[in-house]
């Protein structure tokens, strides 16, 4: 290992170019979309993708993912299949919808009220 390049190699993990950040995001996003296509009934994947989109300020698509995750909770209510993970994901989806509603008030106002 070249010791002169060690600080640059160490700091390179912290300071990435905008292009590298975009590539990283779209690589993770593509993998997540493929995982959702393989397991469309997994609400955890929908919530995680919604949170990724929320960070990118893509509020409409994030809201759609959160809504899809909440629709999956209706099936859990019918069969009384609630586990802790599902409860946590439901809460994260509701919180995500609240954030979406702050930025898209017309679209998010009706979507944030979900009966428990």
N, C-alpha and C. Protein backbone atom coordinates (compact mmCIF):
# COMPACT_ATOMS: atom_id res chain seq x y z
N UNK A 1 0.85 -1.19 0.00
CA UNK A 1 0.00 0.00 0.00
C UNK A 1 0.88 1.23 0.00
N UNK A 2 0.54 2.15 -0.83
CA UNK A 2 1.27 3.41 -0.92
C UNK A 2 0.80 4.32 0.21
N UNK A 3 1.69 4.62 1.15
CA UNK A 3 1.32 5.40 2.32
C UNK A 3 1.01 6.86 1.98
N UNK A 4 1.52 7.34 0.88
CA UNK A 4 1.22 8.71 0.48
C UNK A 4 -0.25 8.84 0.06
N UNK A 5 -0.84 7.77 -0.44
CA UNK A 5 -2.23 7.81 -0.90
C UNK A 5 -3.21 7.35 0.17
N UNK A 6 -2.71 6.95 1.33
CA UNK A 6 -3.59 6.46 2.39
C UNK A 6 -4.62 7.49 2.85
N UNK A 7 -4.23 8.74 3.14
CA UNK A 7 -5.27 9.71 3.55
C UNK A 7 -6.34 9.91 2.48
N UNK A 8 -5.93 9.95 1.23
CA UNK A 8 -6.90 10.11 0.15
C UNK A 8 -7.84 8.91 0.07
N UNK A 9 -7.29 7.72 0.26
CA UNK A 9 -8.13 6.52 0.23
C UNK A 9 -9.10 6.50 1.39
N UNK A 10 -8.65 6.93 2.56
CA UNK A 10 -9.53 6.94 3.73
C UNK A 10 -10.62 7.99 3.61
N UNK A 11 -10.26 9.17 3.14
CA UNK A 11 -11.24 10.25 3.00
C UNK A 11 -12.16 10.05 1.81
N UNK A 12 -11.75 9.24 0.86
CA UNK A 12 -12.58 8.99 -0.32
C UNK A 12 -13.91 8.36 0.03
N UNK A 13 -13.95 7.60 1.13
CA UNK A 13 -15.21 7.01 1.56
C UNK A 13 -16.18 8.05 2.10
N UNK A 14 -15.66 9.14 2.63
CA UNK A 14 -16.51 10.19 3.19
C UNK A 14 -16.91 11.22 2.14
N UNK A 15 -15.98 11.55 1.28
CA UNK A 15 -16.22 12.60 0.31
C UNK A 15 -16.28 11.98 -1.09
N UNK A 16 -17.49 11.72 -1.54
CA UNK A 16 -17.67 11.16 -2.87
C UNK A 16 -18.22 12.25 -3.78
N UNK A 17 -17.94 12.12 -5.03
CA UNK A 17 -18.43 13.11 -5.99
C UNK A 17 -19.94 12.94 -6.14
N UNK A 18 -20.63 13.97 -6.60
CA UNK A 18 -22.08 13.86 -6.83
C UNK A 18 -22.43 12.74 -7.81
N UNK A 19 -21.59 12.53 -8.80
CA UNK A 19 -21.85 11.46 -9.76
C UNK A 19 -21.76 10.09 -9.08
N UNK A 20 -20.78 9.91 -8.21
CA UNK A 20 -20.67 8.65 -7.47
C UNK A 20 -21.87 8.44 -6.57
N UNK A 21 -22.36 9.52 -5.93
CA UNK A 21 -23.54 9.40 -5.07
C UNK A 21 -24.76 9.01 -5.89
N UNK A 22 -24.91 9.58 -7.08
CA UNK A 22 -26.04 9.23 -7.95
C UNK A 22 -25.96 7.77 -8.38
N UNK A 23 -24.78 7.33 -8.75
CA UNK A 23 -24.61 5.93 -9.14
C UNK A 23 -24.94 4.99 -7.99
N UNK A 24 -24.48 5.34 -6.80
CA UNK A 24 -24.77 4.52 -5.62
C UNK A 24 -26.27 4.45 -5.36
N UNK A 25 -26.94 5.60 -5.43
CA UNK A 25 -28.37 5.62 -5.19
C UNK A 25 -29.12 4.76 -6.21
N UNK A 26 -28.84 4.97 -7.48
CA UNK A 26 -29.58 4.24 -8.51
C UNK A 26 -29.23 2.76 -8.51
N UNK A 27 -28.04 2.41 -8.10
CA UNK A 27 -27.70 1.00 -7.95
C UNK A 27 -28.52 0.35 -6.84
N UNK A 28 -28.60 1.02 -5.69
CA UNK A 28 -29.42 0.51 -4.58
C UNK A 28 -30.90 0.51 -4.95
N UNK A 29 -31.34 1.54 -5.64
CA UNK A 29 -32.74 1.64 -6.04
C UNK A 29 -33.12 0.52 -7.00
N UNK A 30 -32.25 0.24 -7.95
CA UNK A 30 -32.51 -0.83 -8.92
C UNK A 30 -32.60 -2.18 -8.21
N UNK A 31 -31.68 -2.45 -7.30
CA UNK A 31 -31.71 -3.71 -6.55
C UNK A 31 -32.98 -3.83 -5.71
N UNK A 32 -33.40 -2.72 -5.13
CA UNK A 32 -34.62 -2.73 -4.33
C UNK A 32 -35.85 -2.97 -5.19
N UNK A 33 -35.90 -2.37 -6.36
CA UNK A 33 -37.01 -2.59 -7.29
C UNK A 33 -37.06 -4.05 -7.74
N UNK A 34 -35.91 -4.64 -7.98
CA UNK A 34 -35.86 -6.05 -8.36
C UNK A 34 -36.35 -6.94 -7.21
N UNK A 35 -35.98 -6.59 -5.99
CA UNK A 35 -36.44 -7.36 -4.83
C UNK A 35 -37.95 -7.24 -4.67
N UNK A 36 -38.51 -6.05 -4.93
CA UNK A 36 -39.96 -5.87 -4.85
C UNK A 36 -40.65 -6.66 -5.94
N UNK A 37 -40.07 -6.70 -7.12
CA UNK A 37 -40.67 -7.50 -8.20
C UNK A 37 -40.65 -8.98 -7.85
N UNK A 38 -39.63 -9.42 -7.15
CA UNK A 38 -39.54 -10.84 -6.77
C UNK A 38 -40.46 -11.17 -5.59
N UNK A 39 -40.70 -10.19 -4.71
CA UNK A 39 -41.55 -10.43 -3.53
C UNK A 39 -42.51 -9.25 -3.37
N UNK A 40 -43.55 -9.18 -4.21
CA UNK A 40 -44.43 -8.01 -4.19
C UNK A 40 -45.26 -7.86 -2.91
N UNK A 41 -45.39 -8.90 -2.11
CA UNK A 41 -46.18 -8.82 -0.89
C UNK A 41 -45.35 -8.46 0.34
N UNK A 42 -44.09 -8.11 0.15
CA UNK A 42 -43.22 -7.76 1.28
C UNK A 42 -43.33 -6.27 1.56
N UNK A 43 -44.03 -5.93 2.62
CA UNK A 43 -44.26 -4.51 2.92
C UNK A 43 -42.99 -3.81 3.38
N UNK A 44 -42.04 -4.54 3.93
CA UNK A 44 -40.79 -3.93 4.38
C UNK A 44 -40.04 -3.30 3.21
N UNK A 45 -40.00 -4.01 2.09
CA UNK A 45 -39.31 -3.48 0.92
C UNK A 45 -39.98 -2.20 0.41
N UNK A 46 -41.31 -2.16 0.46
CA UNK A 46 -42.03 -0.96 0.02
C UNK A 46 -41.72 0.23 0.93
N UNK A 47 -41.68 -0.02 2.22
CA UNK A 47 -41.41 1.08 3.16
C UNK A 47 -39.98 1.59 2.97
N UNK A 48 -39.04 0.69 2.80
CA UNK A 48 -37.64 1.11 2.63
C UNK A 48 -37.49 1.91 1.34
N UNK A 49 -38.13 1.45 0.26
CA UNK A 49 -38.04 2.20 -1.00
C UNK A 49 -38.73 3.56 -0.85
N UNK A 50 -39.85 3.61 -0.14
CA UNK A 50 -40.51 4.89 0.10
C UNK A 50 -39.61 5.85 0.86
N UNK A 51 -38.89 5.33 1.85
CA UNK A 51 -37.98 6.18 2.61
C UNK A 51 -36.81 6.66 1.75
N UNK A 52 -36.33 5.80 0.87
CA UNK A 52 -35.27 6.23 -0.06
C UNK A 52 -35.77 7.36 -0.95
N UNK A 53 -36.98 7.21 -1.49
CA UNK A 53 -37.55 8.23 -2.36
C UNK A 53 -37.84 9.51 -1.59
N UNK A 54 -38.20 9.37 -0.34
CA UNK A 54 -38.47 10.54 0.50
C UNK A 54 -37.19 11.36 0.69
N UNK A 55 -36.07 10.67 0.88
CA UNK A 55 -34.79 11.38 1.00
C UNK A 55 -34.44 12.12 -0.28
N UNK A 56 -34.88 11.59 -1.40
CA UNK A 56 -34.62 12.23 -2.70
C UNK A 56 -35.66 13.29 -3.04
N UNK A 57 -36.61 13.49 -2.15
CA UNK A 57 -37.69 14.47 -2.31
C UNK A 57 -38.61 14.11 -3.49
N UNK A 58 -38.76 12.84 -3.74
CA UNK A 58 -39.71 12.35 -4.74
C UNK A 58 -40.97 11.94 -3.97
N UNK A 59 -41.74 12.94 -3.58
CA UNK A 59 -42.83 12.74 -2.63
C UNK A 59 -43.98 11.91 -3.19
N UNK A 60 -44.27 12.06 -4.46
CA UNK A 60 -45.40 11.31 -5.02
C UNK A 60 -45.13 9.81 -5.06
N UNK A 61 -43.96 9.43 -5.53
CA UNK A 61 -43.65 8.00 -5.57
C UNK A 61 -43.44 7.43 -4.18
N UNK A 62 -42.88 8.23 -3.27
CA UNK A 62 -42.71 7.78 -1.89
C UNK A 62 -44.08 7.54 -1.26
N UNK A 63 -45.01 8.46 -1.49
CA UNK A 63 -46.36 8.30 -0.96
C UNK A 63 -47.05 7.07 -1.52
N UNK A 64 -46.81 6.77 -2.79
CA UNK A 64 -47.41 5.58 -3.39
C UNK A 64 -46.86 4.31 -2.74
N UNK A 65 -45.58 4.29 -2.44
CA UNK A 65 -45.01 3.12 -1.76
C UNK A 65 -45.54 2.97 -0.35
N UNK A 66 -45.68 4.08 0.37
CA UNK A 66 -46.23 4.02 1.73
C UNK A 66 -47.68 3.55 1.70
N UNK A 67 -48.45 4.04 0.73
CA UNK A 67 -49.84 3.61 0.61
C UNK A 67 -49.93 2.12 0.31
N UNK A 68 -49.05 1.64 -0.58
CA UNK A 68 -49.04 0.21 -0.91
C UNK A 68 -48.73 -0.62 0.33
N UNK A 69 -47.79 -0.15 1.14
CA UNK A 69 -47.45 -0.87 2.37
C UNK A 69 -48.63 -0.89 3.33
N UNK A 70 -49.35 0.21 3.42
CA UNK A 70 -50.50 0.27 4.32
C UNK A 70 -51.65 -0.61 3.82
N UNK A 71 -51.80 -0.72 2.51
CA UNK A 71 -52.82 -1.64 1.97
C UNK A 71 -52.50 -3.08 2.35
N UNK A 72 -51.23 -3.41 2.44
CA UNK A 72 -50.84 -4.76 2.84
C UNK A 72 -51.19 -5.03 4.30
N UNK A 73 -51.27 -3.97 5.11
CA UNK A 73 -51.64 -4.20 6.51
C UNK A 73 -53.10 -4.58 6.66
N UNK A 74 -53.93 -4.24 5.69
CA UNK A 74 -55.34 -4.64 5.76
C UNK A 74 -55.47 -6.16 5.72
N UNK A 75 -54.63 -6.81 4.93
CA UNK A 75 -54.64 -8.27 4.88
C UNK A 75 -54.19 -8.85 6.22
N UNK A 76 -53.25 -8.18 6.87
CA UNK A 76 -52.80 -8.65 8.18
C UNK A 76 -53.92 -8.51 9.21
N UNK A 77 -54.72 -7.45 9.09
CA UNK A 77 -55.84 -7.27 10.02
C UNK A 77 -56.86 -8.40 9.86
N UNK A 78 -57.12 -8.79 8.62
CA UNK A 78 -58.12 -9.82 8.37
C UNK A 78 -57.71 -11.17 8.94
N UNK A 79 -56.44 -11.50 8.83
CA UNK A 79 -56.03 -12.82 9.33
C UNK A 79 -55.35 -12.75 10.69
N UNK A 80 -55.38 -11.57 11.32
CA UNK A 80 -54.78 -11.37 12.65
C UNK A 80 -53.34 -11.85 12.68
N UNK A 81 -52.58 -11.46 11.68
CA UNK A 81 -51.21 -11.93 11.55
C UNK A 81 -50.17 -10.89 11.90
N UNK A 82 -50.45 -10.06 12.88
CA UNK A 82 -49.52 -8.99 13.24
C UNK A 82 -48.34 -9.52 14.04
N UNK A 83 -47.16 -9.17 13.59
CA UNK A 83 -45.92 -9.41 14.34
C UNK A 83 -45.28 -8.05 14.60
N UNK A 84 -44.24 -8.03 15.38
CA UNK A 84 -43.61 -6.75 15.71
C UNK A 84 -43.06 -6.07 14.46
N UNK A 85 -42.47 -6.83 13.56
CA UNK A 85 -41.91 -6.22 12.34
C UNK A 85 -43.00 -5.52 11.53
N UNK A 86 -44.14 -6.15 11.40
CA UNK A 86 -45.23 -5.55 10.64
C UNK A 86 -45.74 -4.28 11.32
N UNK A 87 -45.79 -4.30 12.63
CA UNK A 87 -46.23 -3.11 13.35
C UNK A 87 -45.26 -1.95 13.15
N UNK A 88 -43.97 -2.27 13.21
CA UNK A 88 -42.95 -1.24 13.01
C UNK A 88 -43.02 -0.68 11.59
N UNK A 89 -43.18 -1.55 10.60
CA UNK A 89 -43.26 -1.09 9.22
C UNK A 89 -44.51 -0.25 8.99
N UNK A 90 -45.61 -0.62 9.63
CA UNK A 90 -46.84 0.16 9.50
C UNK A 90 -46.62 1.56 10.08
N UNK A 91 -45.98 1.64 11.24
CA UNK A 91 -45.70 2.94 11.86
C UNK A 91 -44.76 3.77 10.99
N UNK A 92 -43.76 3.13 10.40
CA UNK A 92 -42.84 3.86 9.52
C UNK A 92 -43.55 4.37 8.28
N UNK A 93 -44.49 3.57 7.74
CA UNK A 93 -45.26 4.00 6.58
C UNK A 93 -46.16 5.18 6.94
N UNK A 94 -46.79 5.13 8.10
CA UNK A 94 -47.63 6.26 8.53
C UNK A 94 -46.80 7.52 8.74
N UNK A 95 -45.62 7.37 9.32
CA UNK A 95 -44.74 8.52 9.52
C UNK A 95 -44.28 9.08 8.18
N UNK A 96 -43.96 8.19 7.23
CA UNK A 96 -43.58 8.63 5.90
C UNK A 96 -44.70 9.39 5.21
N UNK A 97 -45.93 8.93 5.37
CA UNK A 97 -47.07 9.64 4.79
C UNK A 97 -47.27 11.01 5.42
N UNK A 98 -46.97 11.14 6.69
CA UNK A 98 -47.04 12.46 7.33
C UNK A 98 -46.04 13.41 6.71
N UNK A 99 -44.83 12.91 6.44
CA UNK A 99 -43.82 13.75 5.79
C UNK A 99 -44.25 14.13 4.38
N UNK A 100 -44.82 13.17 3.66
CA UNK A 100 -45.30 13.45 2.30
C UNK A 100 -46.39 14.51 2.35
N UNK A 101 -47.27 14.41 3.33
CA UNK A 101 -48.38 15.36 3.45
C UNK A 101 -47.88 16.78 3.71
N UNK A 102 -46.75 16.91 4.38
CA UNK A 102 -46.20 18.25 4.62
C UNK A 102 -45.75 18.91 3.33
N UNK A 103 -45.31 18.10 2.37
CA UNK A 103 -44.79 18.65 1.12
C UNK A 103 -45.80 18.62 -0.01
N UNK A 104 -46.77 17.73 0.06
CA UNK A 104 -47.85 17.66 -0.93
C UNK A 104 -49.18 17.70 -0.17
N UNK A 105 -49.56 18.86 0.35
CA UNK A 105 -50.73 18.90 1.22
C UNK A 105 -52.01 18.40 0.57
N UNK A 106 -52.24 18.68 -0.69
CA UNK A 106 -53.49 18.27 -1.33
C UNK A 106 -53.56 16.76 -1.47
N UNK A 107 -52.46 16.14 -1.85
CA UNK A 107 -52.46 14.69 -2.07
C UNK A 107 -52.35 13.93 -0.76
N UNK A 108 -51.68 14.50 0.23
CA UNK A 108 -51.40 13.75 1.44
C UNK A 108 -52.41 13.94 2.55
N UNK A 109 -53.28 14.92 2.45
CA UNK A 109 -54.20 15.19 3.56
C UNK A 109 -55.12 14.04 3.84
N UNK A 110 -55.69 13.46 2.81
CA UNK A 110 -56.60 12.34 3.02
C UNK A 110 -55.85 11.05 3.28
N UNK A 111 -54.62 10.96 2.82
CA UNK A 111 -53.89 9.70 2.91
C UNK A 111 -53.31 9.45 4.29
N UNK A 112 -53.14 10.49 5.10
CA UNK A 112 -52.48 10.29 6.38
C UNK A 112 -53.41 9.73 7.45
N UNK A 113 -54.70 9.80 7.25
CA UNK A 113 -55.63 9.29 8.25
C UNK A 113 -55.97 7.84 7.94
N UNK A 114 -55.41 6.95 8.75
CA UNK A 114 -55.67 5.52 8.62
C UNK A 114 -56.08 5.01 9.98
N UNK A 115 -57.18 4.31 10.02
CA UNK A 115 -57.64 3.76 11.29
C UNK A 115 -56.74 2.63 11.74
N UNK A 116 -56.43 2.60 13.01
CA UNK A 116 -55.55 1.56 13.55
C UNK A 116 -56.32 0.28 13.79
